[in-house]
């Protein structure tokens, strides 16, 4: 999720920069429109309408391209998926040294939101380490 936010932030700056360059290049055209009699508001509205049209068309093209790539990669993903859940869980990548030393960069964000789902109850560290196949230790006799 963090990478999605980063991608959106980078794309916002890229789009803003692109349209700033386009507006700067069109200074002469805008000046001609103003000299012919167009109001400043009409020039700004035309520029914003063009930006909106390009944005909508590019968003639709990106959405369709993403759906196409996802559909094309689905058979490949099914072939590479491991058949047993244990085999999939045993082949986890090793954590990077930076995450081991300082914790995950997204830890402050994860701590800001309460847990959800079937395991959303408070747990002791010992029970959190226990997997679903482990049995809980017997209760002490009183």
N, C-alpha and C. Protein backbone atom coordinates (compact mmCIF):
# COMPACT_ATOMS: atom_id res chain seq x y z
N UNK A 1 0.81 -1.18 0.00
CA UNK A 1 0.00 0.00 0.00
C UNK A 1 0.86 1.26 0.00
N UNK A 2 1.99 1.17 0.69
CA UNK A 2 2.87 2.33 0.77
C UNK A 2 3.41 2.67 -0.61
N UNK A 3 3.75 1.62 -1.37
CA UNK A 3 4.29 1.86 -2.70
C UNK A 3 3.24 2.50 -3.61
N UNK A 4 1.99 2.15 -3.43
CA UNK A 4 0.93 2.77 -4.21
C UNK A 4 0.84 4.26 -3.92
N UNK A 5 0.94 4.61 -2.65
CA UNK A 5 0.91 6.03 -2.29
C UNK A 5 2.10 6.78 -2.87
N UNK A 6 3.27 6.13 -2.84
CA UNK A 6 4.45 6.76 -3.44
C UNK A 6 4.26 6.96 -4.93
N UNK A 7 3.70 5.95 -5.59
CA UNK A 7 3.48 6.04 -7.04
C UNK A 7 2.51 7.17 -7.37
N UNK A 8 1.46 7.31 -6.58
CA UNK A 8 0.49 8.38 -6.82
C UNK A 8 1.15 9.74 -6.60
N UNK A 9 1.96 9.86 -5.55
CA UNK A 9 2.62 11.12 -5.27
C UNK A 9 3.58 11.51 -6.40
N UNK A 10 4.36 10.54 -6.87
CA UNK A 10 5.30 10.81 -7.97
C UNK A 10 4.53 11.18 -9.23
N UNK A 11 3.45 10.47 -9.51
CA UNK A 11 2.69 10.77 -10.73
C UNK A 11 2.03 12.15 -10.65
N UNK A 12 1.60 12.56 -9.47
CA UNK A 12 1.01 13.91 -9.32
C UNK A 12 2.04 14.97 -9.66
N UNK A 13 3.26 14.81 -9.13
CA UNK A 13 4.30 15.79 -9.43
C UNK A 13 4.68 15.77 -10.91
N UNK A 14 4.72 14.59 -11.50
CA UNK A 14 5.07 14.47 -12.92
C UNK A 14 4.01 15.14 -13.79
N UNK A 15 2.76 14.88 -13.49
CA UNK A 15 1.67 15.48 -14.26
C UNK A 15 1.67 16.99 -14.10
N UNK A 16 1.86 17.46 -12.88
CA UNK A 16 1.90 18.91 -12.65
C UNK A 16 3.04 19.54 -13.44
N UNK A 17 4.21 18.92 -13.40
CA UNK A 17 5.36 19.45 -14.12
C UNK A 17 5.11 19.46 -15.63
N UNK A 18 4.50 18.40 -16.14
CA UNK A 18 4.21 18.32 -17.57
C UNK A 18 3.30 19.46 -18.00
N UNK A 19 2.23 19.68 -17.26
CA UNK A 19 1.30 20.74 -17.64
C UNK A 19 1.88 22.13 -17.40
N UNK A 20 2.77 22.27 -16.43
CA UNK A 20 3.43 23.56 -16.24
C UNK A 20 4.30 23.89 -17.45
N UNK A 21 4.99 22.88 -17.98
CA UNK A 21 5.81 23.08 -19.17
C UNK A 21 4.93 23.40 -20.38
N UNK A 22 3.81 22.67 -20.50
CA UNK A 22 2.91 22.92 -21.63
C UNK A 22 2.34 24.34 -21.59
N UNK A 23 1.96 24.78 -20.41
CA UNK A 23 1.41 26.14 -20.29
C UNK A 23 2.49 27.18 -20.61
N UNK A 24 3.71 26.92 -20.15
CA UNK A 24 4.80 27.86 -20.44
C UNK A 24 5.08 27.92 -21.94
N UNK A 25 4.98 26.80 -22.64
CA UNK A 25 5.21 26.78 -24.07
C UNK A 25 4.09 27.46 -24.85
N UNK A 26 2.91 27.51 -24.24
CA UNK A 26 1.77 28.10 -24.93
C UNK A 26 1.56 29.57 -24.58
N UNK A 27 2.52 30.18 -24.03
CA UNK A 27 2.39 31.57 -23.63
C UNK A 27 1.99 32.45 -24.81
N UNK A 28 2.62 32.22 -25.96
CA UNK A 28 2.31 33.04 -27.15
C UNK A 28 0.87 32.80 -27.61
N UNK A 29 0.46 31.53 -27.59
CA UNK A 29 -0.92 31.23 -28.02
C UNK A 29 -1.92 31.86 -27.07
N UNK A 30 -1.65 31.77 -25.79
CA UNK A 30 -2.55 32.39 -24.81
C UNK A 30 -2.58 33.91 -24.96
N UNK A 31 -1.43 34.50 -25.24
CA UNK A 31 -1.38 35.95 -25.45
C UNK A 31 -2.19 36.34 -26.69
N UNK A 32 -2.12 35.52 -27.74
CA UNK A 32 -2.89 35.80 -28.95
C UNK A 32 -4.38 35.70 -28.67
N UNK A 33 -4.78 34.67 -27.89
CA UNK A 33 -6.20 34.54 -27.53
C UNK A 33 -6.67 35.75 -26.74
N UNK A 34 -5.83 36.22 -25.81
CA UNK A 34 -6.20 37.40 -25.03
C UNK A 34 -6.28 38.63 -25.91
N UNK A 35 -5.38 38.76 -26.91
CA UNK A 35 -5.38 39.93 -27.80
C UNK A 35 -6.61 39.93 -28.69
N UNK A 36 -7.08 38.75 -29.06
CA UNK A 36 -8.26 38.65 -29.93
C UNK A 36 -9.53 38.96 -29.15
N UNK A 37 -9.49 38.81 -27.81
CA UNK A 37 -10.67 39.16 -27.04
C UNK A 37 -11.11 38.13 -26.02
N UNK A 38 -10.36 37.07 -25.88
CA UNK A 38 -10.74 36.07 -24.88
C UNK A 38 -10.40 36.60 -23.49
N UNK A 39 -11.29 36.35 -22.57
CA UNK A 39 -11.05 36.77 -21.19
C UNK A 39 -10.05 35.81 -20.53
N UNK A 40 -9.40 36.29 -19.50
CA UNK A 40 -8.43 35.46 -18.79
C UNK A 40 -9.09 34.18 -18.28
N UNK A 41 -10.31 34.32 -17.81
CA UNK A 41 -11.05 33.15 -17.30
C UNK A 41 -11.28 32.12 -18.40
N UNK A 42 -11.54 32.55 -19.62
CA UNK A 42 -11.74 31.62 -20.73
C UNK A 42 -10.46 30.86 -21.05
N UNK A 43 -9.32 31.55 -21.02
CA UNK A 43 -8.04 30.89 -21.29
C UNK A 43 -7.73 29.86 -20.21
N UNK A 44 -7.93 30.24 -18.96
CA UNK A 44 -7.66 29.32 -17.85
C UNK A 44 -8.62 28.14 -17.90
N UNK A 45 -9.90 28.40 -18.18
CA UNK A 45 -10.89 27.33 -18.27
C UNK A 45 -10.55 26.36 -19.40
N UNK A 46 -10.12 26.90 -20.54
CA UNK A 46 -9.73 26.04 -21.66
C UNK A 46 -8.54 25.16 -21.32
N UNK A 47 -7.56 25.74 -20.62
CA UNK A 47 -6.38 24.97 -20.22
C UNK A 47 -6.77 23.87 -19.22
N UNK A 48 -7.61 24.21 -18.25
CA UNK A 48 -8.03 23.21 -17.27
C UNK A 48 -8.90 22.13 -17.92
N UNK A 49 -9.75 22.51 -18.88
CA UNK A 49 -10.57 21.51 -19.58
C UNK A 49 -9.68 20.55 -20.38
N UNK A 50 -8.64 21.08 -21.00
CA UNK A 50 -7.71 20.22 -21.73
C UNK A 50 -6.99 19.27 -20.77
N UNK A 51 -6.56 19.79 -19.63
CA UNK A 51 -5.88 18.95 -18.64
C UNK A 51 -6.81 17.85 -18.14
N UNK A 52 -8.08 18.19 -17.90
CA UNK A 52 -9.05 17.20 -17.45
C UNK A 52 -9.28 16.13 -18.51
N UNK A 53 -9.42 16.54 -19.76
CA UNK A 53 -9.65 15.58 -20.84
C UNK A 53 -8.46 14.64 -21.00
N UNK A 54 -7.26 15.19 -20.98
CA UNK A 54 -6.07 14.35 -21.11
C UNK A 54 -5.96 13.42 -19.91
N UNK A 55 -6.24 13.92 -18.72
CA UNK A 55 -6.17 13.10 -17.52
C UNK A 55 -7.16 11.96 -17.55
N UNK A 56 -8.40 12.24 -17.96
CA UNK A 56 -9.42 11.18 -18.03
C UNK A 56 -9.06 10.13 -19.07
N UNK A 57 -8.62 10.59 -20.24
CA UNK A 57 -8.24 9.63 -21.29
C UNK A 57 -7.04 8.78 -20.86
N UNK A 58 -6.04 9.40 -20.25
CA UNK A 58 -4.86 8.66 -19.79
C UNK A 58 -5.23 7.70 -18.65
N UNK A 59 -6.12 8.11 -17.76
CA UNK A 59 -6.56 7.22 -16.67
C UNK A 59 -7.29 6.01 -17.22
N UNK A 60 -8.17 6.24 -18.18
CA UNK A 60 -8.90 5.13 -18.79
C UNK A 60 -7.95 4.19 -19.51
N UNK A 61 -6.98 4.75 -20.24
CA UNK A 61 -6.01 3.92 -20.94
C UNK A 61 -5.16 3.13 -19.95
N UNK A 62 -4.75 3.76 -18.86
CA UNK A 62 -3.97 3.07 -17.84
C UNK A 62 -4.76 1.97 -17.15
N UNK A 63 -6.03 2.22 -16.88
CA UNK A 63 -6.88 1.21 -16.27
C UNK A 63 -7.04 0.01 -17.19
N UNK A 64 -7.32 0.27 -18.45
CA UNK A 64 -7.47 -0.82 -19.41
C UNK A 64 -6.16 -1.59 -19.59
N UNK A 65 -5.04 -0.87 -19.62
CA UNK A 65 -3.75 -1.55 -19.74
C UNK A 65 -3.47 -2.41 -18.50
N UNK A 66 -3.80 -1.90 -17.32
CA UNK A 66 -3.60 -2.68 -16.10
C UNK A 66 -4.46 -3.93 -16.06
N UNK A 67 -5.70 -3.81 -16.51
CA UNK A 67 -6.58 -4.98 -16.57
C UNK A 67 -6.03 -5.98 -17.57
N UNK A 68 -5.55 -5.49 -18.70
CA UNK A 68 -4.98 -6.39 -19.71
C UNK A 68 -3.74 -7.11 -19.22
N UNK A 69 -2.85 -6.39 -18.55
CA UNK A 69 -1.64 -7.02 -18.02
C UNK A 69 -1.99 -8.04 -16.95
N UNK A 70 -2.95 -7.70 -16.09
CA UNK A 70 -3.36 -8.64 -15.05
C UNK A 70 -3.97 -9.90 -15.65
N UNK A 71 -4.80 -9.72 -16.67
CA UNK A 71 -5.41 -10.89 -17.31
C UNK A 71 -4.36 -11.73 -18.03
N UNK A 72 -3.38 -11.08 -18.64
CA UNK A 72 -2.35 -11.82 -19.36
C UNK A 72 -1.42 -12.55 -18.40
N UNK A 73 -1.19 -12.01 -17.21
CA UNK A 73 -0.27 -12.65 -16.27
C UNK A 73 -0.95 -13.68 -15.38
N UNK A 74 -2.25 -13.76 -15.40
CA UNK A 74 -2.96 -14.70 -14.54
C UNK A 74 -2.57 -16.16 -14.80
N UNK A 75 -2.53 -16.64 -16.05
CA UNK A 75 -2.12 -18.04 -16.26
C UNK A 75 -0.70 -18.30 -15.76
N UNK A 76 0.19 -17.37 -15.95
CA UNK A 76 1.57 -17.54 -15.49
C UNK A 76 1.61 -17.63 -13.97
N UNK A 77 0.81 -16.84 -13.30
CA UNK A 77 0.77 -16.86 -11.84
C UNK A 77 0.22 -18.19 -11.34
N UNK A 78 -0.80 -18.70 -11.99
CA UNK A 78 -1.38 -19.99 -11.57
C UNK A 78 -0.37 -21.12 -11.72
N UNK A 79 0.44 -21.08 -12.78
CA UNK A 79 1.45 -22.13 -12.98
C UNK A 79 2.54 -22.06 -11.93
N UNK A 80 2.90 -20.87 -11.50
CA UNK A 80 4.01 -20.72 -10.57
C UNK A 80 3.59 -20.86 -9.12
N UNK A 81 2.29 -20.86 -8.84
CA UNK A 81 1.83 -20.97 -7.46
C UNK A 81 2.12 -22.36 -6.93
N UNK A 82 2.59 -22.43 -5.68
CA UNK A 82 2.90 -23.74 -5.11
C UNK A 82 1.61 -24.41 -4.67
N UNK A 83 1.54 -25.74 -4.78
CA UNK A 83 0.29 -26.42 -4.47
C UNK A 83 -0.02 -26.48 -2.98
N UNK A 84 0.99 -26.53 -2.12
CA UNK A 84 0.69 -26.66 -0.70
C UNK A 84 1.00 -25.36 0.03
N UNK A 85 0.19 -25.00 1.02
CA UNK A 85 0.44 -23.77 1.77
C UNK A 85 1.75 -23.82 2.55
N UNK A 86 2.15 -25.03 3.02
CA UNK A 86 3.40 -25.13 3.78
C UNK A 86 4.59 -24.82 2.89
N UNK A 87 4.55 -25.29 1.64
CA UNK A 87 5.67 -25.02 0.73
C UNK A 87 5.77 -23.53 0.44
N UNK A 88 4.64 -22.87 0.36
CA UNK A 88 4.66 -21.43 0.07
C UNK A 88 5.20 -20.65 1.27
N UNK A 89 4.85 -21.09 2.50
CA UNK A 89 5.28 -20.34 3.65
C UNK A 89 6.74 -20.60 3.99
N UNK A 90 7.31 -21.73 3.54
CA UNK A 90 8.69 -22.02 3.89
C UNK A 90 9.67 -21.31 2.97
N UNK A 91 9.21 -20.77 1.87
CA UNK A 91 10.13 -20.13 0.95
C UNK A 91 10.03 -18.61 1.04
N UNK A 92 10.00 -18.09 2.24
CA UNK A 92 9.92 -16.64 2.43
C UNK A 92 11.29 -16.03 2.19
N UNK A 93 11.34 -14.85 1.57
CA UNK A 93 12.63 -14.21 1.36
C UNK A 93 13.23 -13.74 2.68
N UNK A 94 14.53 -13.70 2.73
CA UNK A 94 15.20 -13.24 3.94
C UNK A 94 14.99 -11.74 4.09
N UNK A 95 14.81 -11.26 5.31
CA UNK A 95 14.62 -9.82 5.48
C UNK A 95 15.91 -9.07 5.15
N UNK A 96 15.74 -7.85 4.69
CA UNK A 96 16.91 -7.05 4.36
C UNK A 96 17.58 -6.57 5.63
N UNK A 97 18.89 -6.31 5.58
CA UNK A 97 19.58 -5.87 6.80
C UNK A 97 19.03 -4.58 7.38
N UNK A 98 18.58 -3.67 6.53
CA UNK A 98 18.07 -2.41 7.06
C UNK A 98 16.79 -2.63 7.86
N UNK A 99 15.95 -3.58 7.43
CA UNK A 99 14.73 -3.86 8.18
C UNK A 99 15.04 -4.59 9.47
N UNK A 100 16.06 -5.45 9.46
CA UNK A 100 16.40 -6.18 10.67
C UNK A 100 16.94 -5.25 11.74
N UNK A 101 17.72 -4.26 11.31
CA UNK A 101 18.36 -3.37 12.28
C UNK A 101 17.38 -2.36 12.87
N UNK A 102 16.51 -1.84 12.05
CA UNK A 102 15.68 -0.73 12.54
C UNK A 102 14.19 -1.03 12.51
N UNK A 103 13.78 -2.21 12.13
CA UNK A 103 12.37 -2.51 12.02
C UNK A 103 11.86 -2.10 10.65
N UNK A 104 10.66 -2.48 10.35
CA UNK A 104 10.08 -2.16 9.05
C UNK A 104 9.80 -0.67 8.94
N UNK A 105 10.04 -0.07 7.75
CA UNK A 105 9.74 1.35 7.61
C UNK A 105 8.26 1.67 7.76
N UNK A 106 7.40 0.68 7.54
CA UNK A 106 5.97 0.95 7.64
C UNK A 106 5.44 0.66 9.05
N UNK A 107 6.31 0.30 9.99
CA UNK A 107 5.86 -0.03 11.34
C UNK A 107 5.10 1.12 12.00
N UNK A 108 5.56 2.37 11.92
CA UNK A 108 4.78 3.44 12.55
C UNK A 108 3.38 3.58 11.96
N UNK A 109 3.25 3.34 10.67
CA UNK A 109 1.94 3.42 10.04
C UNK A 109 1.06 2.27 10.53
N UNK A 110 1.64 1.05 10.60
CA UNK A 110 0.86 -0.09 11.05
C UNK A 110 0.45 0.06 12.50
N UNK A 111 1.29 0.68 13.32
CA UNK A 111 0.93 0.88 14.72
C UNK A 111 -0.17 1.91 14.89
N UNK A 112 -0.38 2.76 13.89
CA UNK A 112 -1.38 3.82 14.00
C UNK A 112 -2.80 3.30 13.82
N UNK A 113 -2.94 2.13 13.19
CA UNK A 113 -4.26 1.60 12.92
C UNK A 113 -4.49 0.35 13.75
N UNK A 114 -5.68 0.17 14.30
CA UNK A 114 -5.94 -1.03 15.11
C UNK A 114 -5.96 -2.27 14.22
N UNK A 115 -5.64 -3.43 14.79
CA UNK A 115 -5.69 -4.65 13.99
C UNK A 115 -7.13 -5.03 13.66
N UNK A 116 -7.31 -5.80 12.63
CA UNK A 116 -8.64 -6.23 12.24
C UNK A 116 -8.56 -7.68 11.79
N UNK A 117 -9.70 -8.31 11.69
CA UNK A 117 -9.75 -9.69 11.23
C UNK A 117 -9.95 -10.65 12.38
N UNK A 118 -9.82 -11.96 12.10
CA UNK A 118 -10.11 -12.96 13.13
C UNK A 118 -9.11 -12.94 14.28
N UNK A 119 -7.89 -12.46 14.07
CA UNK A 119 -6.89 -12.43 15.13
C UNK A 119 -6.72 -11.04 15.70
N UNK A 120 -7.79 -10.28 15.79
CA UNK A 120 -7.69 -8.88 16.21
C UNK A 120 -7.69 -8.71 17.73
N UNK A 121 -7.70 -9.79 18.48
CA UNK A 121 -7.70 -9.67 19.93
C UNK A 121 -6.28 -9.47 20.44
N UNK A 122 -6.12 -8.88 21.61
CA UNK A 122 -4.78 -8.73 22.18
C UNK A 122 -4.19 -10.11 22.46
N UNK A 123 -2.91 -10.26 22.17
CA UNK A 123 -2.27 -11.56 22.36
C UNK A 123 -0.95 -11.38 23.10
N UNK A 124 -0.60 -12.40 23.83
CA UNK A 124 0.70 -12.38 24.50
C UNK A 124 1.78 -12.69 23.45
N UNK A 125 3.01 -12.28 23.70
CA UNK A 125 4.07 -12.58 22.74
C UNK A 125 4.24 -14.07 22.49
N UNK A 126 4.05 -14.90 23.52
CA UNK A 126 4.20 -16.33 23.34
C UNK A 126 3.12 -16.89 22.42
N UNK A 127 1.88 -16.45 22.61
CA UNK A 127 0.81 -16.96 21.75
C UNK A 127 0.91 -16.40 20.34
N UNK A 128 1.50 -15.22 20.20
CA UNK A 128 1.66 -14.65 18.86
C UNK A 128 2.67 -15.45 18.05
N UNK A 129 3.67 -16.04 18.71
CA UNK A 129 4.66 -16.85 18.00
C UNK A 129 4.10 -18.21 17.62
N UNK A 130 3.09 -18.67 18.30
CA UNK A 130 2.53 -19.99 18.06
C UNK A 130 1.80 -20.02 16.73
N UNK A 131 2.01 -21.05 15.95
CA UNK A 131 1.31 -21.20 14.68
C UNK A 131 0.01 -21.93 14.91
N UNK A 132 -0.81 -22.00 13.88
CA UNK A 132 -2.12 -22.63 14.03
C UNK A 132 -2.00 -24.13 14.25
N UNK A 133 -0.88 -24.76 13.86
CA UNK A 133 -0.74 -26.21 14.04
C UNK A 133 -0.19 -26.56 15.41
N UNK A 134 0.41 -25.59 16.12
CA UNK A 134 0.90 -25.85 17.47
C UNK A 134 -0.27 -25.94 18.42
N UNK A 135 -0.08 -26.74 19.43
CA UNK A 135 -1.11 -26.83 20.46
C UNK A 135 -0.74 -25.90 21.62
N UNK A 136 -1.74 -25.35 22.24
CA UNK A 136 -1.50 -24.50 23.37
C UNK A 136 -1.04 -25.37 24.55
N UNK A 137 -0.15 -24.87 25.39
CA UNK A 137 0.28 -25.66 26.54
C UNK A 137 -0.88 -25.88 27.49
N UNK A 138 -0.84 -26.98 28.22
CA UNK A 138 -1.97 -27.24 29.15
C UNK A 138 -2.03 -26.17 30.21
N UNK A 139 -3.23 -25.91 30.68
CA UNK A 139 -3.43 -24.91 31.73
C UNK A 139 -2.86 -25.46 33.04
N UNK A 140 -2.25 -24.58 33.83
CA UNK A 140 -1.68 -25.07 35.10
C UNK A 140 -2.79 -25.53 36.05
N UNK A 141 -2.50 -26.59 36.79
CA UNK A 141 -3.48 -27.12 37.73
C UNK A 141 -3.53 -26.22 38.96
N UNK A 142 -4.71 -26.05 39.53
CA UNK A 142 -4.85 -25.19 40.69
C UNK A 142 -4.98 -25.99 41.93
